[in-house]
Amino acid sequence: MPVERLNLLSSVAILILPVIALLVVLWGYTQPPLPDEGTGAHIFQLSIAALVPVTLLAFAALYVLEHVYYAQQLS
C-alpha cells in the first residue's frame, strides 16, 4: 500500500472515530438511563479503542515518508 494512501486512510479514520464517539455520547442524552451498559457504550468504547492503532498507523506512515520515501527521492 502506498504511503500516501495509508496516510489518507489513517487521517480519515482519526477524524471519523472521535466524531462517532461524540455522536454516541450525544445520542445517550436522548435515552432513558439504563441499568446496564447498552449498545451505545460499546460503540463508544470500540471507537475510542480503535483510535490507538489508527494513530500509530498515522505516525508509522509519517516515519516511512520522512525516513524512507524522502531518502529514496534524494538519492
PDB file of N, CA and C in Angstrom:
ATOM      1  N   MET A   1       0.848  -1.175   0.000  1.00  0.00           N
ATOM      2  CA  MET A   1       0.000   0.000   0.000  1.00  0.00           C
ATOM      3  C   MET A   1       0.893   1.237   0.000  1.00  0.00           C
ATOM      4  N   PRO A   2       0.665   2.149  -0.927  1.00  0.00           N
ATOM      5  CA  PRO A   2       1.488   3.359  -0.978  1.00  0.00           C
ATOM      6  C   PRO A   2       1.332   4.192   0.291  1.00  0.00           C
ATOM      7  N   VAL A   3       2.372   4.925   0.613  1.00  0.00           N
ATOM      8  CA  VAL A   3       2.389   5.740   1.830  1.00  0.00           C
ATOM      9  C   VAL A   3       1.285   6.793   1.799  1.00  0.00           C
ATOM     10  N   GLU A   4       1.055   7.404   0.639  1.00  0.00           N
ATOM     11  CA  GLU A   4       0.036   8.446   0.552  1.00  0.00           C
ATOM     12  C   GLU A   4      -1.351   7.894   0.861  1.00  0.00           C
ATOM     13  N   ARG A   5      -1.644   6.709   0.352  1.00  0.00           N
ATOM     14  CA  ARG A   5      -2.951   6.090   0.591  1.00  0.00           C
ATOM     15  C   ARG A   5      -3.100   5.708   2.064  1.00  0.00           C
ATOM     16  N   LEU A   6      -2.043   5.172   2.638  1.00  0.00           N
ATOM     17  CA  LEU A   6      -2.053   4.810   4.053  1.00  0.00           C
ATOM     18  C   LEU A   6      -2.252   6.044   4.925  1.00  0.00           C
ATOM     19  N   ASN A   7      -1.588   7.119   4.577  1.00  0.00           N
ATOM     20  CA  ASN A   7      -1.725   8.371   5.311  1.00  0.00           C
ATOM     21  C   ASN A   7      -3.151   8.914   5.194  1.00  0.00           C
ATOM     22  N   LEU A   8      -3.737   8.847   4.012  1.00  0.00           N
ATOM     23  CA  LEU A   8      -5.100   9.316   3.808  1.00  0.00           C
ATOM     24  C   LEU A   8      -6.096   8.496   4.626  1.00  0.00           C
ATOM     25  N   LEU A   9      -5.956   7.182   4.585  1.00  0.00           N
ATOM     26  CA  LEU A   9      -6.872   6.316   5.334  1.00  0.00           C
ATOM     27  C   LEU A   9      -6.779   6.555   6.837  1.00  0.00           C
ATOM     28  N   SER A  10      -5.577   6.673   7.342  1.00  0.00           N
ATOM     29  CA  SER A  10      -5.429   6.898   8.777  1.00  0.00           C
ATOM     30  C   SER A  10      -5.914   8.295   9.160  1.00  0.00           C
ATOM     31  N   SER A  11      -5.721   9.280   8.298  1.00  0.00           N
ATOM     32  CA  SER A  11      -6.210  10.634   8.584  1.00  0.00           C
ATOM     33  C   SER A  11      -7.729  10.670   8.648  1.00  0.00           C
ATOM     34  N   VAL A  12      -8.366  10.000   7.717  1.00  0.00           N
ATOM     35  CA  VAL A  12      -9.832   9.952   7.718  1.00  0.00           C
ATOM     36  C   VAL A  12     -10.338   9.231   8.962  1.00  0.00           C
ATOM     37  N   ALA A  13      -9.696   8.122   9.314  1.00  0.00           N
ATOM     38  CA  ALA A  13     -10.122   7.372  10.496  1.00  0.00           C
ATOM     39  C   ALA A  13      -9.924   8.184  11.774  1.00  0.00           C
ATOM     40  N   ILE A  14      -8.831   8.939  11.852  1.00  0.00           N
ATOM     41  CA  ILE A  14      -8.581   9.763  13.042  1.00  0.00           C
ATOM     42  C   ILE A  14      -9.629  10.865  13.163  1.00  0.00           C
ATOM     43  N   LEU A  15     -10.197  11.296  12.064  1.00  0.00           N
ATOM     44  CA  LEU A  15     -11.259  12.298  12.120  1.00  0.00           C
ATOM     45  C   LEU A  15     -12.629  11.684  12.388  1.00  0.00           C
ATOM     46  N   ILE A  16     -12.898  10.514  11.827  1.00  0.00           N
ATOM     47  CA  ILE A  16     -14.228   9.915  11.928  1.00  0.00           C
ATOM     48  C   ILE A  16     -14.471   9.240  13.275  1.00  0.00           C
ATOM     49  N   LEU A  17     -13.489   8.541  13.806  1.00  0.00           N
ATOM     50  CA  LEU A  17     -13.705   7.797  15.050  1.00  0.00           C
ATOM     51  C   LEU A  17     -14.098   8.682  16.236  1.00  0.00           C
ATOM     52  N   PRO A  18     -13.446   9.819  16.473  1.00  0.00           N
ATOM     53  CA  PRO A  18     -13.919  10.678  17.567  1.00  0.00           C
ATOM     54  C   PRO A  18     -15.315  11.262  17.319  1.00  0.00           C
ATOM     55  N   VAL A  19     -15.642  11.515  16.064  1.00  0.00           N
ATOM     56  CA  VAL A  19     -16.975  12.027  15.746  1.00  0.00           C
ATOM     57  C   VAL A  19     -18.029  10.972  16.092  1.00  0.00           C
ATOM     58  N   ILE A  20     -17.731   9.715  15.768  1.00  0.00           N
ATOM     59  CA  ILE A  20     -18.642   8.624  16.128  1.00  0.00           C
ATOM     60  C   ILE A  20     -18.814   8.568  17.646  1.00  0.00           C
ATOM     61  N   ALA A  21     -17.706   8.660  18.376  1.00  0.00           N
ATOM     62  CA  ALA A  21     -17.780   8.628  19.836  1.00  0.00           C
ATOM     63  C   ALA A  21     -18.621   9.788  20.368  1.00  0.00           C
ATOM     64  N   LEU A  22     -18.421  10.977  19.820  1.00  0.00           N
ATOM     65  CA  LEU A  22     -19.190  12.141  20.258  1.00  0.00           C
ATOM     66  C   LEU A  22     -20.675  11.968  19.948  1.00  0.00           C
ATOM     67  N   LEU A  23     -20.996  11.488  18.769  1.00  0.00           N
ATOM     68  CA  LEU A  23     -22.397  11.280  18.404  1.00  0.00           C
ATOM     69  C   LEU A  23     -23.070  10.251  19.304  1.00  0.00           C
ATOM     70  N   VAL A  24     -22.333   9.212  19.677  1.00  0.00           N
ATOM     71  CA  VAL A  24     -22.895   8.200  20.576  1.00  0.00           C
ATOM     72  C   VAL A  24     -23.175   8.808  21.946  1.00  0.00           C
ATOM     73  N   VAL A  25     -22.262   9.640  22.434  1.00  0.00           N
ATOM     74  CA  VAL A  25     -22.483  10.296  23.732  1.00  0.00           C
ATOM     75  C   VAL A  25     -23.694  11.228  23.643  1.00  0.00           C
ATOM     76  N   LEU A  26     -23.782  12.000  22.578  1.00  0.00           N
ATOM     77  CA  LEU A  26     -24.928  12.894  22.420  1.00  0.00           C
ATOM     78  C   LEU A  26     -26.233  12.106  22.296  1.00  0.00           C
ATOM     79  N   TRP A  27     -26.193  10.980  21.606  1.00  0.00           N
ATOM     80  CA  TRP A  27     -27.357  10.106  21.489  1.00  0.00           C
ATOM     81  C   TRP A  27     -27.754   9.570  22.866  1.00  0.00           C
ATOM     82  N   GLY A  28     -26.786   9.330  23.722  1.00  0.00           N
ATOM     83  CA  GLY A  28     -27.061   8.845  25.067  1.00  0.00           C
ATOM     84  C   GLY A  28     -27.883   9.813  25.886  1.00  0.00           C
ATOM     85  N   TYR A  29     -27.750  11.118  25.611  1.00  0.00           N
ATOM     86  CA  TYR A  29     -28.550  12.117  26.319  1.00  0.00           C
ATOM     87  C   TYR A  29     -30.030  12.022  25.965  1.00  0.00           C
ATOM     88  N   THR A  30     -30.356  11.422  24.834  1.00  0.00           N
ATOM     89  CA  THR A  30     -31.753  11.304  24.424  1.00  0.00           C
ATOM     90  C   THR A  30     -32.390  10.014  24.931  1.00  0.00           C
ATOM     91  N   GLN A  31     -31.603   9.145  25.537  1.00  0.00           N
ATOM     92  CA  GLN A  31     -32.109   7.848  26.007  1.00  0.00           C
ATOM     93  C   GLN A  31     -32.365   7.883  27.507  1.00  0.00           C
ATOM     94  N   PRO A  32     -33.309   7.071  27.971  1.00  0.00           N
ATOM     95  CA  PRO A  32     -33.501   6.976  29.422  1.00  0.00           C
ATOM     96  C   PRO A  32     -32.325   6.234  30.045  1.00  0.00           C
ATOM     97  N   PRO A  33     -32.081   6.443  31.332  1.00  0.00           N
ATOM     98  CA  PRO A  33     -30.981   5.731  31.998  1.00  0.00           C
ATOM     99  C   PRO A  33     -31.181   4.215  31.907  1.00  0.00           C
ATOM    100  N   LEU A  34     -30.095   3.522  31.638  1.00  0.00           N
ATOM    101  CA  LEU A  34     -30.136   2.068  31.515  1.00  0.00           C
ATOM    102  C   LEU A  34     -29.531   1.426  32.758  1.00  0.00           C
ATOM    103  N   PRO A  35     -30.056   0.279  33.174  1.00  0.00           N
ATOM    104  CA  PRO A  35     -29.474  -0.395  34.334  1.00  0.00           C
ATOM    105  C   PRO A  35     -28.089  -0.980  34.028  1.00  0.00           C
ATOM    106  N   ASP A  36     -27.822  -1.221  32.767  1.00  0.00           N
ATOM    107  CA  ASP A  36     -26.544  -1.790  32.354  1.00  0.00           C
ATOM    108  C   ASP A  36     -26.081  -1.057  31.100  1.00  0.00           C
ATOM    109  N   GLU A  37     -24.823  -1.259  30.740  1.00  0.00           N
ATOM    110  CA  GLU A  37     -24.318  -0.633  29.524  1.00  0.00           C
ATOM    111  C   GLU A  37     -25.119  -1.111  28.320  1.00  0.00           C
ATOM    112  N   GLY A  38     -25.414  -0.184  27.450  1.00  0.00           N
ATOM    113  CA  GLY A  38     -26.136  -0.527  26.237  1.00  0.00           C
ATOM    114  C   GLY A  38     -25.198  -0.603  25.048  1.00  0.00           C
ATOM    115  N   THR A  39     -25.791  -0.683  23.896  1.00  0.00           N
ATOM    116  CA  THR A  39     -25.018  -0.765  22.655  1.00  0.00           C
ATOM    117  C   THR A  39     -24.180   0.487  22.450  1.00  0.00           C
ATOM    118  N   GLY A  40     -24.738   1.634  22.813  1.00  0.00           N
ATOM    119  CA  GLY A  40     -24.004   2.892  22.645  1.00  0.00           C
ATOM    120  C   GLY A  40     -22.694   2.916  23.401  1.00  0.00           C
ATOM    121  N   ALA A  41     -22.700   2.358  24.604  1.00  0.00           N
ATOM    122  CA  ALA A  41     -21.465   2.323  25.394  1.00  0.00           C
ATOM    123  C   ALA A  41     -20.405   1.481  24.701  1.00  0.00           C
ATOM    124  N   HIS A  42     -20.818   0.388  24.103  1.00  0.00           N
ATOM    125  CA  HIS A  42     -19.853  -0.484  23.425  1.00  0.00           C
ATOM    126  C   HIS A  42     -19.327   0.166  22.140  1.00  0.00           C
ATOM    127  N   ILE A  43     -20.213   0.852  21.432  1.00  0.00           N
ATOM    128  CA  ILE A  43     -19.763   1.566  20.228  1.00  0.00           C
ATOM    129  C   ILE A  43     -18.765   2.656  20.607  1.00  0.00           C
ATOM    130  N   PHE A  44     -19.054   3.382  21.675  1.00  0.00           N
ATOM    131  CA  PHE A  44     -18.131   4.413  22.163  1.00  0.00           C
ATOM    132  C   PHE A  44     -16.777   3.798  22.511  1.00  0.00           C
ATOM    133  N   GLN A  45     -16.794   2.719  23.275  1.00  0.00           N
ATOM    134  CA  GLN A  45     -15.546   2.079  23.696  1.00  0.00           C
ATOM    135  C   GLN A  45     -14.741   1.570  22.509  1.00  0.00           C
ATOM    136  N   LEU A  46     -15.421   0.977  21.542  1.00  0.00           N
ATOM    137  CA  LEU A  46     -14.718   0.463  20.363  1.00  0.00           C
ATOM    138  C   LEU A  46     -14.143   1.592  19.511  1.00  0.00           C
ATOM    139  N   SER A  47     -14.879   2.686  19.367  1.00  0.00           N
ATOM    140  CA  SER A  47     -14.361   3.786  18.548  1.00  0.00           C
ATOM    141  C   SER A  47     -13.156   4.450  19.208  1.00  0.00           C
ATOM    142  N   ILE A  48     -13.167   4.575  20.526  1.00  0.00           N
ATOM    143  CA  ILE A  48     -12.015   5.151  21.224  1.00  0.00           C
ATOM    144  C   ILE A  48     -10.837   4.181  21.182  1.00  0.00           C
ATOM    145  N   ALA A  49     -11.106   2.897  21.379  1.00  0.00           N
ATOM    146  CA  ALA A  49     -10.025   1.900  21.332  1.00  0.00           C
ATOM    147  C   ALA A  49      -9.419   1.799  19.932  1.00  0.00           C
ATOM    148  N   ALA A  50     -10.222   2.011  18.903  1.00  0.00           N
ATOM    149  CA  ALA A  50      -9.713   1.946  17.529  1.00  0.00           C
ATOM    150  C   ALA A  50      -8.802   3.124  17.204  1.00  0.00           C
ATOM    151  N   LEU A  51      -8.885   4.191  17.975  1.00  0.00           N
ATOM    152  CA  LEU A  51      -8.011   5.339  17.730  1.00  0.00           C
ATOM    153  C   LEU A  51      -6.539   5.011  17.964  1.00  0.00           C
ATOM    154  N   VAL A  52      -6.265   4.104  18.891  1.00  0.00           N
ATOM    155  CA  VAL A  52      -4.868   3.781  19.216  1.00  0.00           C
ATOM    156  C   VAL A  52      -4.133   3.200  18.012  1.00  0.00           C
ATOM    157  N   PRO A  53      -4.614   2.108  17.396  1.00  0.00           N
ATOM    158  CA  PRO A  53      -3.862   1.587  16.246  1.00  0.00           C
ATOM    159  C   PRO A  53      -3.876   2.519  15.038  1.00  0.00           C
ATOM    160  N   VAL A  54      -4.976   3.251  14.867  1.00  0.00           N
ATOM    161  CA  VAL A  54      -5.032   4.188  13.734  1.00  0.00           C
ATOM    162  C   VAL A  54      -4.019   5.310  13.915  1.00  0.00           C
ATOM    163  N   THR A  55      -3.889   5.802  15.140  1.00  0.00           N
ATOM    164  CA  THR A  55      -2.902   6.852  15.416  1.00  0.00           C
ATOM    165  C   THR A  55      -1.492   6.323  15.219  1.00  0.00           C
ATOM    166  N   LEU A  56      -1.236   5.118  15.690  1.00  0.00           N
ATOM    167  CA  LEU A  56       0.083   4.509  15.467  1.00  0.00           C
ATOM    168  C   LEU A  56       0.352   4.319  13.984  1.00  0.00           C
ATOM    169  N   LEU A  57      -0.695   3.928  13.235  1.00  0.00           N
ATOM    170  CA  LEU A  57      -0.559   3.778  11.781  1.00  0.00           C
ATOM    171  C   LEU A  57      -0.196   5.106  11.124  1.00  0.00           C
ATOM    172  N   ALA A  58      -0.828   6.196  11.594  1.00  0.00           N
ATOM    173  CA  ALA A  58      -0.531   7.517  11.024  1.00  0.00           C
ATOM    174  C   ALA A  58       0.916   7.921  11.293  1.00  0.00           C
ATOM    175  N   PHE A  59       1.380   7.674  12.514  1.00  0.00           N
ATOM    176  CA  PHE A  59       2.767   8.013  12.828  1.00  0.00           C
ATOM    177  C   PHE A  59       3.751   7.100  12.092  1.00  0.00           C
ATOM    178  N   ALA A  60       3.378   5.848  11.882  1.00  0.00           N
ATOM    179  CA  ALA A  60       4.241   4.942  11.108  1.00  0.00           C
ATOM    180  C   ALA A  60       4.338   5.412   9.658  1.00  0.00           C
ATOM    181  N   ALA A  61       3.209   5.846   9.098  1.00  0.00           N
ATOM    182  CA  ALA A  61       3.224   6.359   7.725  1.00  0.00           C
ATOM    183  C   ALA A  61       4.077   7.622   7.630  1.00  0.00           C
ATOM    184  N   LEU A  62       4.005   8.478   8.631  1.00  0.00           N
ATOM    185  CA  LEU A  62       4.831   9.681   8.652  1.00  0.00           C
ATOM    186  C   LEU A  62       6.313   9.324   8.742  1.00  0.00           C
ATOM    187  N   TYR A  63       6.645   8.337   9.575  1.00  0.00           N
ATOM    188  CA  TYR A  63       8.027   7.916   9.717  1.00  0.00           C
ATOM    189  C   TYR A  63       8.569   7.376   8.384  1.00  0.00           C
ATOM    190  N   VAL A  64       7.773   6.522   7.732  1.00  0.00           N
ATOM    191  CA  VAL A  64       8.197   5.963   6.444  1.00  0.00           C
ATOM    192  C   VAL A  64       8.351   7.073   5.415  1.00  0.00           C
ATOM    193  N   LEU A  65       7.438   8.016   5.416  1.00  0.00           N
ATOM    194  CA  LEU A  65       7.521   9.136   4.474  1.00  0.00           C
ATOM    195  C   LEU A  65       8.812   9.920   4.653  1.00  0.00           C
ATOM    196  N   GLU A  66       9.143  10.236   5.891  1.00  0.00           N
ATOM    197  CA  GLU A  66      10.316  11.062   6.145  1.00  0.00           C
ATOM    198  C   GLU A  66      11.629  10.299   6.034  1.00  0.00           C
ATOM    199  N   HIS A  67      11.668   9.054   6.492  1.00  0.00           N
ATOM    200  CA  HIS A  67      12.929   8.336   6.567  1.00  0.00           C
ATOM    201  C   HIS A  67      13.194   7.366   5.417  1.00  0.00           C
ATOM    202  N   VAL A  68      12.154   6.965   4.712  1.00  0.00           N
ATOM    203  CA  VAL A  68      12.351   6.020   3.608  1.00  0.00           C
ATOM    204  C   VAL A  68      12.048   6.683   2.274  1.00  0.00           C
ATOM    205  N   TYR A  69      10.843   7.200   2.127  1.00  0.00           N
ATOM    206  CA  TYR A  69      10.423   7.760   0.854  1.00  0.00           C
ATOM    207  C   TYR A  69      11.261   8.966   0.446  1.00  0.00           C
ATOM    208  N   TYR A  70      11.409   9.918   1.351  1.00  0.00           N
ATOM    209  CA  TYR A  70      12.204  11.108   1.030  1.00  0.00           C
ATOM    210  C   TYR A  70      13.682  10.753   0.822  1.00  0.00           C
ATOM    211  N   ALA A  71      14.187   9.782   1.562  1.00  0.00           N
ATOM    212  CA  ALA A  71      15.584   9.366   1.390  1.00  0.00           C
ATOM    213  C   ALA A  71      15.800   8.779   0.010  1.00  0.00           C
ATOM    214  N   GLN A  72      14.813   8.037  -0.478  1.00  0.00           N
ATOM    215  CA  GLN A  72      14.920   7.466  -1.831  1.00  0.00           C
ATOM    216  C   GLN A  72      14.826   8.551  -2.895  1.00  0.00           C
ATOM    217  N   GLN A  73      14.013   9.562  -2.641  1.00  0.00           N
ATOM    218  CA  GLN A  73      13.848  10.641  -3.609  1.00  0.00           C
ATOM    219  C   GLN A  73      15.101  11.493  -3.718  1.00  0.00           C
ATOM    220  N   LEU A  74      15.824  11.639  -2.610  1.00  0.00           N
ATOM    221  CA  LEU A  74      17.041  12.446  -2.618  1.00  0.00           C
ATOM    222  C   LEU A  74      18.231  11.695  -3.204  1.00  0.00           C
ATOM    223  N   SER A  75      18.136  10.373  -3.254  1.00  0.00           N
ATOM    224  CA  SER A  75      19.258   9.580  -3.785  1.00  0.00           C
ATOM    225  C   SER A  75      19.302   9.578  -5.275  1.00  0.00           C
TER     226      SER A  75
END
